Structure formats: C-alpha cells, structure tokens
Amino acid sequence: MSIAVESLHKCDFSDVAEGDLPPVPPGEILAHEFLEPLAITPYRLAKSIGVPQQRVGEILAGRRSITADTGLRLSRFFGMSDGFWIGLQADCYVPPLNRRSRLKNPTVRQDLG
C-alpha cells in the first residue's frame, strides 16, 4: 500500500505513535524473515541447530516460546547477536505487562528495615 505525500495529513498514526501495536511473535519473524527468504525448511533448521523438529514447528506456530538455549542456537546459525532471539521473545511479554500496569497503576514499596 502506498500513500501520497499530500494525503499524509489525513492519516491516523496514533496507534503507531502510542506504541499500541502488538509485538510480532518471534516465530513469525523466524518464518517470514529468515526461513522463507533463505528457502530453509523447519526440518532442516531443526537438524542444523540440533533441536527436535517439533520444537521448531511449535515456535513457528506460536505455541512455544524461544528459550535461551534455542535462541542461542538460532543466533549462531543465522549469525545474529547472542541476545537477538531472546530480545524478540521478551518484547512479546513486556508490552502486555506495561499495558496492564498502566491500568492498575501499582504501587511498589520496599521495606528495607
């Protein structure tokens, strides 16, 4: 989709500006940004990084989180930084927590005595 420069003032970007877009699950990024463009099958990836094919399939389907171990294996395989995949996974947890905490406005008290 393209937008003419003249039409930009009519567009509502509030959802983007406020950060209300949900994070993209790591499995979707793995599938669409890595496996598909590189023509790598889930089976081949699983064998290459030494994990069960079921684990890769569940990550791709969004039914399983990326653990530190799997994240490190993916990072080494694709030549990414060690924390890349864990960072993507953490992004899926942090925004929902931030939204909930804004609603409840919790008070944190530290009793050090």
PDB file of N, CA and C in Angstrom:
ATOM      1  N   MET A   1       0.839  -1.163   0.000  1.00  0.00           N
ATOM      2  CA  MET A   1       0.000   0.000   0.000  1.00  0.00           C
ATOM      3  C   MET A   1       0.889   1.232   0.000  1.00  0.00           C
ATOM      4  N   SER A   2       0.553   2.183  -0.840  1.00  0.00           N
ATOM      5  CA  SER A   2       1.307   3.432  -0.860  1.00  0.00           C
ATOM      6  C   SER A   2       0.388   4.590  -0.508  1.00  0.00           C
ATOM      7  N   ILE A   3       0.965   5.609   0.072  1.00  0.00           N
ATOM      8  CA  ILE A   3       0.221   6.793   0.482  1.00  0.00           C
ATOM      9  C   ILE A   3       0.879   7.998  -0.168  1.00  0.00           C
ATOM     10  N   ALA A   4       0.073   8.815  -0.818  1.00  0.00           N
ATOM     11  CA  ALA A   4       0.604  10.029  -1.429  1.00  0.00           C
ATOM     12  C   ALA A   4       1.016  11.005  -0.334  1.00  0.00           C
ATOM     13  N   VAL A   5       2.088  11.729  -0.585  1.00  0.00           N
ATOM     14  CA  VAL A   5       2.584  12.693   0.392  1.00  0.00           C
ATOM     15  C   VAL A   5       1.499  13.691   0.766  1.00  0.00           C
ATOM     16  N   GLU A   6       0.695  14.074  -0.208  1.00  0.00           N
ATOM     17  CA  GLU A   6      -0.368  15.048   0.037  1.00  0.00           C
ATOM     18  C   GLU A   6      -1.430  14.515   0.998  1.00  0.00           C
ATOM     19  N   SER A   7      -1.543  13.203   1.114  1.00  0.00           N
ATOM     20  CA  SER A   7      -2.575  12.590   1.954  1.00  0.00           C
ATOM     21  C   SER A   7      -2.106  12.280   3.373  1.00  0.00           C
ATOM     22  N   LEU A   8      -0.842  12.480   3.656  1.00  0.00           N
ATOM     23  CA  LEU A   8      -0.309  12.119   4.969  1.00  0.00           C
ATOM     24  C   LEU A   8      -1.012  12.835   6.111  1.00  0.00           C
ATOM     25  N   HIS A   9      -1.410  14.077   5.910  1.00  0.00           N
ATOM     26  CA  HIS A   9      -2.056  14.819   6.993  1.00  0.00           C
ATOM     27  C   HIS A   9      -3.421  14.234   7.360  1.00  0.00           C
ATOM     28  N   LYS A  10      -3.987  13.409   6.483  1.00  0.00           N
ATOM     29  CA  LYS A  10      -5.286  12.785   6.745  1.00  0.00           C
ATOM     30  C   LYS A  10      -5.155  11.442   7.469  1.00  0.00           C
ATOM     31  N   CYS A  11      -3.954  10.912   7.526  1.00  0.00           N
ATOM     32  CA  CYS A  11      -3.738   9.583   8.098  1.00  0.00           C
ATOM     33  C   CYS A  11      -3.657   9.647   9.625  1.00  0.00           C
ATOM     34  N   ASP A  12      -4.196   8.616  10.246  1.00  0.00           N
ATOM     35  CA  ASP A  12      -4.154   8.499  11.700  1.00  0.00           C
ATOM     36  C   ASP A  12      -3.052   7.508  12.076  1.00  0.00           C
ATOM     37  N   PHE A  13      -1.980   8.016  12.622  1.00  0.00           N
ATOM     38  CA  PHE A  13      -0.864   7.177  13.036  1.00  0.00           C
ATOM     39  C   PHE A  13      -0.809   7.020  14.556  1.00  0.00           C
ATOM     40  N   SER A  14      -1.912   7.285  15.230  1.00  0.00           N
ATOM     41  CA  SER A  14      -1.897   7.276  16.693  1.00  0.00           C
ATOM     42  C   SER A  14      -1.540   5.913  17.270  1.00  0.00           C
ATOM     43  N   ASP A  15      -1.986   4.834  16.622  1.00  0.00           N
ATOM     44  CA  ASP A  15      -1.655   3.511  17.156  1.00  0.00           C
ATOM     45  C   ASP A  15      -0.161   3.238  17.087  1.00  0.00           C
ATOM     46  N   VAL A  16       0.499   3.757  16.074  1.00  0.00           N
ATOM     47  CA  VAL A  16       1.941   3.579  15.946  1.00  0.00           C
ATOM     48  C   VAL A  16       2.668   4.511  16.906  1.00  0.00           C
ATOM     49  N   ALA A  17       2.229   5.751  16.969  1.00  0.00           N
ATOM     50  CA  ALA A  17       2.889   6.741  17.819  1.00  0.00           C
ATOM     51  C   ALA A  17       2.773   6.385  19.296  1.00  0.00           C
ATOM     52  N   GLU A  18       1.674   5.791  19.687  1.00  0.00           N
ATOM     53  CA  GLU A  18       1.459   5.445  21.088  1.00  0.00           C
ATOM     54  C   GLU A  18       2.040   4.086  21.453  1.00  0.00           C
ATOM     55  N   GLY A  19       2.550   3.361  20.480  1.00  0.00           N
ATOM     56  CA  GLY A  19       3.133   2.058  20.757  1.00  0.00           C
ATOM     57  C   GLY A  19       2.117   0.993  21.085  1.00  0.00           C
ATOM     58  N   ASP A  20       0.902   1.116  20.565  1.00  0.00           N
ATOM     59  CA  ASP A  20      -0.146   0.154  20.878  1.00  0.00           C
ATOM     60  C   ASP A  20      -0.189  -1.029  19.918  1.00  0.00           C
ATOM     61  N   LEU A  21       0.708  -1.074  18.960  1.00  0.00           N
ATOM     62  CA  LEU A  21       0.742  -2.224  18.070  1.00  0.00           C
ATOM     63  C   LEU A  21       1.326  -3.411  18.826  1.00  0.00           C
ATOM     64  N   PRO A  22       0.708  -4.559  18.702  1.00  0.00           N
ATOM     65  CA  PRO A  22       1.253  -5.726  19.401  1.00  0.00           C
ATOM     66  C   PRO A  22       2.585  -6.137  18.776  1.00  0.00           C
ATOM     67  N   PRO A  23       3.493  -6.675  19.570  1.00  0.00           N
ATOM     68  CA  PRO A  23       4.771  -7.123  19.016  1.00  0.00           C
ATOM     69  C   PRO A  23       4.568  -8.323  18.105  1.00  0.00           C
ATOM     70  N   VAL A  24       5.445  -8.456  17.140  1.00  0.00           N
ATOM     71  CA  VAL A  24       5.390  -9.595  16.224  1.00  0.00           C
ATOM     72  C   VAL A  24       6.048 -10.782  16.924  1.00  0.00           C
ATOM     73  N   PRO A  25       5.356 -11.909  17.007  1.00  0.00           N
ATOM     74  CA  PRO A  25       5.943 -13.083  17.663  1.00  0.00           C
ATOM     75  C   PRO A  25       7.223 -13.532  16.963  1.00  0.00           C
ATOM     76  N   PRO A  26       8.204 -14.001  17.726  1.00  0.00           N
ATOM     77  CA  PRO A  26       9.466 -14.439  17.137  1.00  0.00           C
ATOM     78  C   PRO A  26       9.295 -15.529  16.083  1.00  0.00           C
ATOM     79  N   GLY A  27       8.298 -16.390  16.250  1.00  0.00           N
ATOM     80  CA  GLY A  27       8.064 -17.441  15.264  1.00  0.00           C
ATOM     81  C   GLY A  27       7.697 -16.883  13.901  1.00  0.00           C
ATOM     82  N   GLU A  28       6.923 -15.799  13.884  1.00  0.00           N
ATOM     83  CA  GLU A  28       6.573 -15.156  12.609  1.00  0.00           C
ATOM     84  C   GLU A  28       7.803 -14.543  11.962  1.00  0.00           C
ATOM     85  N   ILE A  29       8.641 -13.905  12.765  1.00  0.00           N
ATOM     86  CA  ILE A  29       9.870 -13.318  12.230  1.00  0.00           C
ATOM     87  C   ILE A  29      10.780 -14.415  11.700  1.00  0.00           C
ATOM     88  N   LEU A  30      10.900 -15.498  12.446  1.00  0.00           N
ATOM     89  CA  LEU A  30      11.721 -16.625  12.008  1.00  0.00           C
ATOM     90  C   LEU A  30      11.228 -17.156  10.669  1.00  0.00           C
ATOM     91  N   ALA A  31       9.924 -17.332  10.548  1.00  0.00           N
ATOM     92  CA  ALA A  31       9.360 -17.882   9.313  1.00  0.00           C
ATOM     93  C   ALA A  31       9.506 -16.927   8.137  1.00  0.00           C
ATOM     94  N   HIS A  32       9.050 -15.681   8.318  1.00  0.00           N
ATOM     95  CA  HIS A  32       8.936 -14.763   7.180  1.00  0.00           C
ATOM     96  C   HIS A  32      10.208 -14.004   6.844  1.00  0.00           C
ATOM     97  N   GLU A  33      11.077 -13.805   7.813  1.00  0.00           N
ATOM     98  CA  GLU A  33      12.292 -13.026   7.563  1.00  0.00           C
ATOM     99  C   GLU A  33      13.544 -13.892   7.399  1.00  0.00           C
ATOM    100  N   PHE A  34      13.457 -15.149   7.808  1.00  0.00           N
ATOM    101  CA  PHE A  34      14.637 -16.000   7.740  1.00  0.00           C
ATOM    102  C   PHE A  34      14.398 -17.264   6.911  1.00  0.00           C
ATOM    103  N   LEU A  35      13.458 -18.101   7.342  1.00  0.00           N
ATOM    104  CA  LEU A  35      13.286 -19.389   6.665  1.00  0.00           C
ATOM    105  C   LEU A  35      12.812 -19.239   5.223  1.00  0.00           C
ATOM    106  N   GLU A  36      11.737 -18.479   5.013  1.00  0.00           N
ATOM    107  CA  GLU A  36      11.197 -18.345   3.652  1.00  0.00           C
ATOM    108  C   GLU A  36      12.194 -17.728   2.681  1.00  0.00           C
ATOM    109  N   PRO A  37      12.805 -16.576   2.999  1.00  0.00           N
ATOM    110  CA  PRO A  37      13.743 -15.987   2.036  1.00  0.00           C
ATOM    111  C   PRO A  37      14.962 -16.867   1.755  1.00  0.00           C
ATOM    112  N   LEU A  38      15.386 -17.630   2.749  1.00  0.00           N
ATOM    113  CA  LEU A  38      16.565 -18.478   2.578  1.00  0.00           C
ATOM    114  C   LEU A  38      16.215 -19.892   2.124  1.00  0.00           C
ATOM    115  N   ALA A  39      14.923 -20.150   1.921  1.00  0.00           N
ATOM    116  CA  ALA A  39      14.437 -21.468   1.484  1.00  0.00           C
ATOM    117  C   ALA A  39      14.924 -22.582   2.417  1.00  0.00           C
ATOM    118  N   ILE A  40      14.804 -22.335   3.710  1.00  0.00           N
ATOM    119  CA  ILE A  40      15.181 -23.321   4.722  1.00  0.00           C
ATOM    120  C   ILE A  40      13.898 -23.908   5.297  1.00  0.00           C
ATOM    121  N   THR A  41      13.809 -25.215   5.327  1.00  0.00           N
ATOM    122  CA  THR A  41      12.630 -25.869   5.894  1.00  0.00           C
ATOM    123  C   THR A  41      12.776 -25.958   7.413  1.00  0.00           C
ATOM    124  N   PRO A  42      11.659 -26.057   8.124  1.00  0.00           N
ATOM    125  CA  PRO A  42      11.750 -26.259   9.573  1.00  0.00           C
ATOM    126  C   PRO A  42      12.553 -27.516   9.928  1.00  0.00           C
ATOM    127  N   TYR A  43      12.404 -28.557   9.121  1.00  0.00           N
ATOM    128  CA  TYR A  43      13.154 -29.794   9.357  1.00  0.00           C
ATOM    129  C   TYR A  43      14.660 -29.539   9.263  1.00  0.00           C
ATOM    130  N   ARG A  44      15.070 -28.854   8.198  1.00  0.00           N
ATOM    131  CA  ARG A  44      16.497 -28.568   8.013  1.00  0.00           C
ATOM    132  C   ARG A  44      17.032 -27.690   9.141  1.00  0.00           C
ATOM    133  N   LEU A  45      16.258 -26.685   9.550  1.00  0.00           N
ATOM    134  CA  LEU A  45      16.692 -25.822  10.644  1.00  0.00           C
ATOM    135  C   LEU A  45      16.866 -26.631  11.923  1.00  0.00           C
ATOM    136  N   ALA A  46      15.873 -27.451  12.238  1.00  0.00           N
ATOM    137  CA  ALA A  46      15.937 -28.261  13.455  1.00  0.00           C
ATOM    138  C   ALA A  46      17.179 -29.153  13.462  1.00  0.00           C
ATOM    139  N   LYS A  47      17.439 -29.816  12.352  1.00  0.00           N
ATOM    140  CA  LYS A  47      18.614 -30.691  12.267  1.00  0.00           C
ATOM    141  C   LYS A  47      19.906 -29.888  12.379  1.00  0.00           C
ATOM    142  N   SER A  48      19.937 -28.709  11.759  1.00  0.00           N
ATOM    143  CA  SER A  48      21.150 -27.891  11.755  1.00  0.00           C
ATOM    144  C   SER A  48      21.492 -27.331  13.129  1.00  0.00           C
ATOM    145  N   ILE A  49      20.466 -27.011  13.920  1.00  0.00           N
ATOM    146  CA  ILE A  49      20.745 -26.429  15.242  1.00  0.00           C
ATOM    147  C   ILE A  49      20.653 -27.463  16.363  1.00  0.00           C
ATOM    148  N   GLY A  50      20.319 -28.700  16.012  1.00  0.00           N
ATOM    149  CA  GLY A  50      20.329 -29.786  16.994  1.00  0.00           C
ATOM    150  C   GLY A  50      19.182 -29.786  17.980  1.00  0.00           C
ATOM    151  N   VAL A  51      17.983 -29.444  17.487  1.00  0.00           N
ATOM    152  CA  VAL A  51      16.790 -29.493  18.339  1.00  0.00           C
ATOM    153  C   VAL A  51      15.731 -30.336  17.641  1.00  0.00           C
ATOM    154  N   PRO A  52      14.741 -30.839  18.378  1.00  0.00           N
ATOM    155  CA  PRO A  52      13.673 -31.606  17.739  1.00  0.00           C
ATOM    156  C   PRO A  52      12.878 -30.739  16.753  1.00  0.00           C
ATOM    157  N   GLN A  53      12.443 -31.353  15.666  1.00  0.00           N
ATOM    158  CA  GLN A  53      11.647 -30.639  14.671  1.00  0.00           C
ATOM    159  C   GLN A  53      10.360 -30.097  15.296  1.00  0.00           C
ATOM    160  N   GLN A  54       9.808 -30.815  16.245  1.00  0.00           N
ATOM    161  CA  GLN A  54       8.584 -30.378  16.912  1.00  0.00           C
ATOM    162  C   GLN A  54       8.790 -29.022  17.592  1.00  0.00           C
ATOM    163  N   ARG A  55       9.952 -28.810  18.180  1.00  0.00           N
ATOM    164  CA  ARG A  55      10.229 -27.535  18.849  1.00  0.00           C
ATOM    165  C   ARG A  55      10.184 -26.381  17.852  1.00  0.00           C
ATOM    166  N   VAL A  56      10.832 -26.556  16.718  1.00  0.00           N
ATOM    167  CA  VAL A  56      10.826 -25.508  15.690  1.00  0.00           C
ATOM    168  C   VAL A  56       9.405 -25.278  15.191  1.00  0.00           C
ATOM    169  N   GLY A  57       8.668 -26.359  14.952  1.00  0.00           N
ATOM    170  CA  GLY A  57       7.287 -26.234  14.487  1.00  0.00           C
ATOM    171  C   GLY A  57       6.405 -25.487  15.471  1.00  0.00           C
ATOM    172  N   GLU A  58       6.574 -25.761  16.757  1.00  0.00           N
ATOM    173  CA  GLU A  58       5.772 -25.080  17.784  1.00  0.00           C
ATOM    174  C   GLU A  58       6.142 -23.603  17.900  1.00  0.00           C
ATOM    175  N   ILE A  59       7.419 -23.281  17.732  1.00  0.00           N
ATOM    176  CA  ILE A  59       7.838 -21.869  17.737  1.00  0.00           C
ATOM    177  C   ILE A  59       7.218 -21.150  16.549  1.00  0.00           C
ATOM    178  N   LEU A  60       7.281 -21.771  15.382  1.00  0.00           N
ATOM    179  CA  LEU A  60       6.714 -21.159  14.174  1.00  0.00           C
ATOM    180  C   LEU A  60       5.206 -20.968  14.298  1.00  0.00           C
ATOM    181  N   ALA A  61       4.534 -21.889  14.981  1.00  0.00           N
ATOM    182  CA  ALA A  61       3.077 -21.810  15.153  1.00  0.00           C
ATOM    183  C   ALA A  61       2.676 -20.888  16.303  1.00  0.00           C
ATOM    184  N   GLY A  62       3.649 -20.389  17.054  1.00  0.00           N
ATOM    185  CA  GLY A  62       3.340 -19.503  18.170  1.00  0.00           C
ATOM    186  C   GLY A  62       2.871 -20.219  19.417  1.00  0.00           C
ATOM    187  N   ARG A  63       3.104 -21.524  19.488  1.00  0.00           N
ATOM    188  CA  ARG A  63       2.679 -22.300  20.654  1.00  0.00           C
ATOM    189  C   ARG A  63       3.809 -22.514  21.659  1.00  0.00           C
ATOM    190  N   ARG A  64       5.003 -22.044  21.310  1.00  0.00           N
ATOM    191  CA  ARG A  64       6.151 -22.254  22.194  1.00  0.00           C
ATOM    192  C   ARG A  64       7.030 -21.009  22.171  1.00  0.00           C
ATOM    193  N   SER A  65       7.535 -20.651  23.329  1.00  0.00           N
ATOM    194  CA  SER A  65       8.453 -19.516  23.429  1.00  0.00           C
ATOM    195  C   SER A  65       9.862 -19.956  23.058  1.00  0.00           C
ATOM    196  N   ILE A  66      10.670 -18.991  22.701  1.00  0.00           N
ATOM    197  CA  ILE A  66      12.074 -19.269  22.419  1.00  0.00           C
ATOM    198  C   ILE A  66      12.836 -19.203  23.737  1.00  0.00           C
ATOM    199  N   THR A  67      13.463 -20.305  24.096  1.00  0.00           N
ATOM    200  CA  THR A  67      14.256 -20.364  25.326  1.00  0.00           C
ATOM    201  C   THR A  67      15.641 -19.779  25.065  1.00  0.00           C
ATOM    202  N   ALA A  68      16.392 -19.579  26.127  1.00  0.00           N
ATOM    203  CA  ALA A  68      17.756 -19.068  25.985  1.00  0.00           C
ATOM    204  C   ALA A  68      18.593 -20.019  25.133  1.00  0.00           C
ATOM    205  N   ASP A  69      18.445 -21.320  25.356  1.00  0.00           N
ATOM    206  CA  ASP A  69      19.213 -22.309  24.601  1.00  0.00           C
ATOM    207  C   ASP A  69      18.865 -22.261  23.114  1.00  0.00           C
ATOM    208  N   THR A  70      17.584 -22.290  22.799  1.00  0.00           N
ATOM    209  CA  THR A  70      17.165 -22.264  21.396  1.00  0.00           C
ATOM    210  C   THR A  70      17.532 -20.929  20.762  1.00  0.00           C
ATOM    211  N   GLY A  71      17.372 -19.845  21.508  1.00  0.00           N
ATOM    212  CA  GLY A  71      17.734 -18.531  20.989  1.00  0.00           C
ATOM    213  C   GLY A  71      19.205 -18.447  20.626  1.00  0.00           C
ATOM    214  N   LEU A  72      20.055 -19.001  21.465  1.00  0.00           N
ATOM    215  CA  LEU A  72      21.489 -19.001  21.193  1.00  0.00           C
ATOM    216  C   LEU A  72      21.810 -19.841  19.960  1.00  0.00           C
ATOM    217  N   ARG A  73      21.158 -20.984  19.834  1.00  0.00           N
ATOM    218  CA  ARG A  73      21.369 -21.836  18.661  1.00  0.00           C
ATOM    219  C   ARG A  73      20.941 -21.120  17.379  1.00  0.00           C
ATOM    220  N   LEU A  74      19.776 -20.443  17.424  1.00  0.00           N
ATOM    221  CA  LEU A  74      19.304 -19.692  16.256  1.00  0.00           C
ATOM    222  C   LEU A  74      20.258 -18.546  15.923  1.00  0.00           C
ATOM    223  N   SER A  75      20.726 -17.858  16.950  1.00  0.00           N
ATOM    224  CA  SER A  75      21.652 -16.744  16.733  1.00  0.00           C
ATOM    225  C   SER A  75      22.931 -17.211  16.062  1.00  0.00           C
ATOM    226  N   ARG A  76      23.463 -18.308  16.522  1.00  0.00           N
ATOM    227  CA  ARG A  76      24.702 -18.827  15.930  1.00  0.00           C
ATOM    228  C   ARG A  76      24.467 -19.288  14.491  1.00  0.00           C
ATOM    229  N   PHE A  77      23.333 -19.923  14.247  1.00  0.00           N
ATOM    230  CA  PHE A  77      23.033 -20.427  12.905  1.00  0.00           C
ATOM    231  C   PHE A  77      22.884 -19.288  11.899  1.00  0.00           C
ATOM    232  N   PHE A  78      22.174 -18.228  12.290  1.00  0.00           N
ATOM    233  CA  PHE A  78      21.907 -17.120  11.372  1.00  0.00           C
ATOM    234  C   PHE A  78      22.930 -15.992  11.478  1.00  0.00           C
ATOM    235  N   GLY A  79      23.904 -16.123  12.374  1.00  0.00           N
ATOM    236  CA  GLY A  79      24.932 -15.101  12.502  1.00  0.00           C
ATOM    237  C   GLY A  79      24.443 -13.820  13.164  1.00  0.00           C
ATOM    238  N   MET A  80      23.510 -13.961  14.094  1.00  0.00           N
ATOM    239  CA  MET A  80      22.956 -12.809  14.808  1.00  0.00           C
ATOM    240  C   MET A  80      23.649 -12.681  16.168  1.00  0.00           C
ATOM    241  N   SER A  81      23.392 -11.558  16.845  1.00  0.00           N
ATOM    242  CA  SER A  81      23.930 -11.392  18.196  1.00  0.00           C
ATOM    243  C   SER A  81      23.285 -12.427  19.124  1.00  0.00           C
ATOM    244  N   ASP A  82      23.997 -12.770  20.182  1.00  0.00           N
ATOM    245  CA  ASP A  82      23.516 -13.821  21.086  1.00  0.00           C
ATOM    246  C   ASP A  82      22.157 -13.513  21.702  1.00  0.00           C
ATOM    247  N   GLY A  83      21.826 -12.262  21.916  1.00  0.00           N
ATOM    248  CA  GLY A  83      20.566 -11.912  22.558  1.00  0.00           C
ATOM    249  C   GLY A  83      19.429 -11.576  21.615  1.00  0.00           C
ATOM    250  N   PHE A  84      19.648 -11.710  20.315  1.00  0.00           N
ATOM    251  CA  PHE A  84      18.644 -11.286  19.337  1.00  0.00           C
ATOM    252  C   PHE A  84      17.295 -11.970  19.542  1.00  0.00           C
ATOM    253  N   TRP A  85      17.271 -13.285  19.566  1.00  0.00           N
ATOM    254  CA  TRP A  85      16.002 -14.025  19.645  1.00  0.00           C
ATOM    255  C   TRP A  85      15.353 -13.906  21.016  1.00  0.00           C
ATOM    256  N   ILE A  86      16.157 -13.866  22.063  1.00  0.00           N
ATOM    257  CA  ILE A  86      15.606 -13.683  23.410  1.00  0.00           C
ATOM    258  C   ILE A  86      15.002 -12.292  23.533  1.00  0.00           C
ATOM    259  N   GLY A  87      15.631 -11.309  22.896  1.00  0.00           N
ATOM    260  CA  GLY A  87      15.081  -9.956  22.900  1.00  0.00           C
ATOM    261  C   GLY A  87      13.727  -9.893  22.225  1.00  0.00           C
ATOM    262  N   LEU A  88      13.597 -10.595  21.096  1.00  0.00           N
ATOM    263  CA  LEU A  88      12.299 -10.638  20.413  1.00  0.00           C
ATOM    264  C   LEU A  88      11.250 -11.306  21.294  1.00  0.00           C
ATOM    265  N   GLN A  89      11.648 -12.376  21.965  1.00  0.00           N
ATOM    266  CA  GLN A  89      10.711 -13.076  22.841  1.00  0.00           C
ATOM    267  C   GLN A  89      10.309 -12.185  24.014  1.00  0.00           C
ATOM    268  N   ALA A  90      11.268 -11.483  24.581  1.00  0.00           N
ATOM    269  CA  ALA A  90      10.976 -10.590  25.711  1.00  0.00           C
ATOM    270  C   ALA A  90      10.018  -9.484  25.296  1.00  0.00           C
ATOM    271  N   ASP A  91      10.150  -8.986  24.069  1.00  0.00           N
ATOM    272  CA  ASP A  91       9.246  -7.938  23.582  1.00  0.00           C
ATOM    273  C   ASP A  91       7.796  -8.402  23.588  1.00  0.00           C
ATOM    274  N   CYS A  92       7.579  -9.690  23.441  1.00  0.00           N
ATOM    275  CA  CYS A  92       6.208 -10.215  23.446  1.00  0.00           C
ATOM    276  C   CYS A  92       5.616 -10.219  24.854  1.00  0.00           C
ATOM    277  N   TYR A  93       6.465 -10.255  25.878  1.00  0.00           N
ATOM    278  CA  TYR A  93       5.984 -10.271  27.255  1.00  0.00           C
ATOM    279  C   TYR A  93       5.880  -8.880  27.858  1.00  0.00           C
ATOM    280  N   VAL A  94       6.828  -8.017  27.568  1.00  0.00           N
ATOM    281  CA  VAL A  94       6.897  -6.711  28.226  1.00  0.00           C
ATOM    282  C   VAL A  94       5.745  -5.783  27.866  1.00  0.00           C
ATOM    283  N   PRO A  95       5.396  -5.590  26.585  1.00  0.00           N
ATOM    284  CA  PRO A  95       4.295  -4.656  26.297  1.00  0.00           C
ATOM    285  C   PRO A  95       2.980  -5.009  26.980  1.00  0.00           C
ATOM    286  N   PRO A  96       2.548  -6.281  26.996  1.00  0.00           N
ATOM    287  CA  PRO A  96       1.303  -6.566  27.719  1.00  0.00           C
ATOM    288  C   PRO A  96       1.416  -6.240  29.205  1.00  0.00           C
ATOM    289  N   LEU A  97       2.563  -6.479  29.794  1.00  0.00           N
ATOM    290  CA  LEU A  97       2.749  -6.152  31.206  1.00  0.00           C
ATOM    291  C   LEU A  97       2.670  -4.647  31.411  1.00  0.00           C
ATOM    292  N   ASN A  98       3.269  -3.880  30.509  1.00  0.00           N
ATOM    293  CA  ASN A  98       3.214  -2.422  30.622  1.00  0.00           C
ATOM    294  C   ASN A  98       1.787  -1.915  30.505  1.00  0.00           C
ATOM    295  N   ARG A  99       1.009  -2.473  29.591  1.00  0.00           N
ATOM    296  CA  ARG A  99      -0.382  -2.037  29.429  1.00  0.00           C
ATOM    297  C   ARG A  99      -1.179  -2.332  30.694  1.00  0.00           C
ATOM    298  N   ARG A 100      -0.984  -3.517  31.264  1.00  0.00           N
ATOM    299  CA  ARG A 100      -1.712  -3.869  32.480  1.00  0.00           C
ATOM    300  C   ARG A 100      -1.304  -2.984  33.646  1.00  0.00           C
ATOM    301  N   SER A 101      -0.025  -2.712  33.767  1.00  0.00           N
ATOM    302  CA  SER A 101       0.422  -1.910  34.907  1.00  0.00           C
ATOM    303  C   SER A 101      -0.053  -0.469  34.787  1.00  0.00           C
ATOM    304  N   ARG A 102      -0.205   0.043  33.574  1.00  0.00           N
ATOM    305  CA  ARG A 102      -0.742   1.394  33.402  1.00  0.00           C
ATOM    306  C   ARG A 102      -2.180   1.448  33.875  1.00  0.00           C
ATOM    307  N   LEU A 103      -2.920   0.363  33.618  1.00  0.00           N
ATOM    308  CA  LEU A 103      -4.322   0.349  34.006  1.00  0.00           C
ATOM    309  C   LEU A 103      -4.483   0.284  35.521  1.00  0.00           C
ATOM    310  N   LYS A 104      -3.693  -0.515  36.157  1.00  0.00           N
ATOM    311  CA  LYS A 104      -3.831  -0.717  37.594  1.00  0.00           C
ATOM    312  C   LYS A 104      -3.027   0.285  38.408  1.00  0.00           C
ATOM    313  N   ASN A 105      -1.984   0.868  37.791  1.00  0.00           N
ATOM    314  CA  ASN A 105      -1.116   1.824  38.465  1.00  0.00           C
ATOM    315  C   ASN A 105      -0.645   1.285  39.815  1.00  0.00           C
ATOM    316  N   PRO A 106       0.103   0.179  39.795  1.00  0.00           N
ATOM    317  CA  PRO A 106       0.508  -0.430  41.060  1.00  0.00           C
ATOM    318  C   PRO A 106       1.528   0.424  41.810  1.00  0.00           C
ATOM    319  N   THR A 107       1.486   0.315  43.112  1.00  0.00           N
ATOM    320  CA  THR A 107       2.456   0.984  43.964  1.00  0.00           C
ATOM    321  C   THR A 107       3.459  -0.059  44.432  1.00  0.00           C
ATOM    322  N   VAL A 108       4.721   0.251  44.288  1.00  0.00           N
ATOM    323  CA  VAL A 108       5.773  -0.658  44.728  1.00  0.00           C
ATOM    324  C   VAL A 108       6.398  -0.058  45.977  1.00  0.00           C
ATOM    325  N   ARG A 109       6.457  -0.866  47.022  1.00  0.00           N
ATOM    326  CA  ARG A 109       7.002  -0.409  48.294  1.00  0.00           C
ATOM    327  C   ARG A 109       8.143  -1.314  48.700  1.00  0.00           C
ATOM    328  N   GLN A 110       9.229  -0.735  49.091  1.00  0.00           N
ATOM    329  CA  GLN A 110      10.361  -1.527  49.542  1.00  0.00           C
ATOM    330  C   GLN A 110      10.559  -1.320  51.035  1.00  0.00           C
ATOM    331  N   ASP A 111      10.415  -2.386  51.772  1.00  0.00           N
ATOM    332  CA  ASP A 111      10.688  -2.340  53.208  1.00  0.00           C
ATOM    333  C   ASP A 111      12.086  -2.892  53.428  1.00  0.00           C
ATOM    334  N   LEU A 112      13.002  -2.014  53.704  1.00  0.00           N
ATOM    335  CA  LEU A 112      14.390  -2.432  53.874  1.00  0.00           C
ATOM    336  C   LEU A 112      14.781  -2.584  55.342  1.00  0.00           C
ATOM    337  N   GLY A 113      13.896  -2.242  56.215  1.00  0.00           N
ATOM    338  CA  GLY A 113      14.248  -2.243  57.625  1.00  0.00           C
ATOM    339  C   GLY A 113      13.929  -3.460  58.310  1.00  0.00           C
TER     340      GLY A 113
END
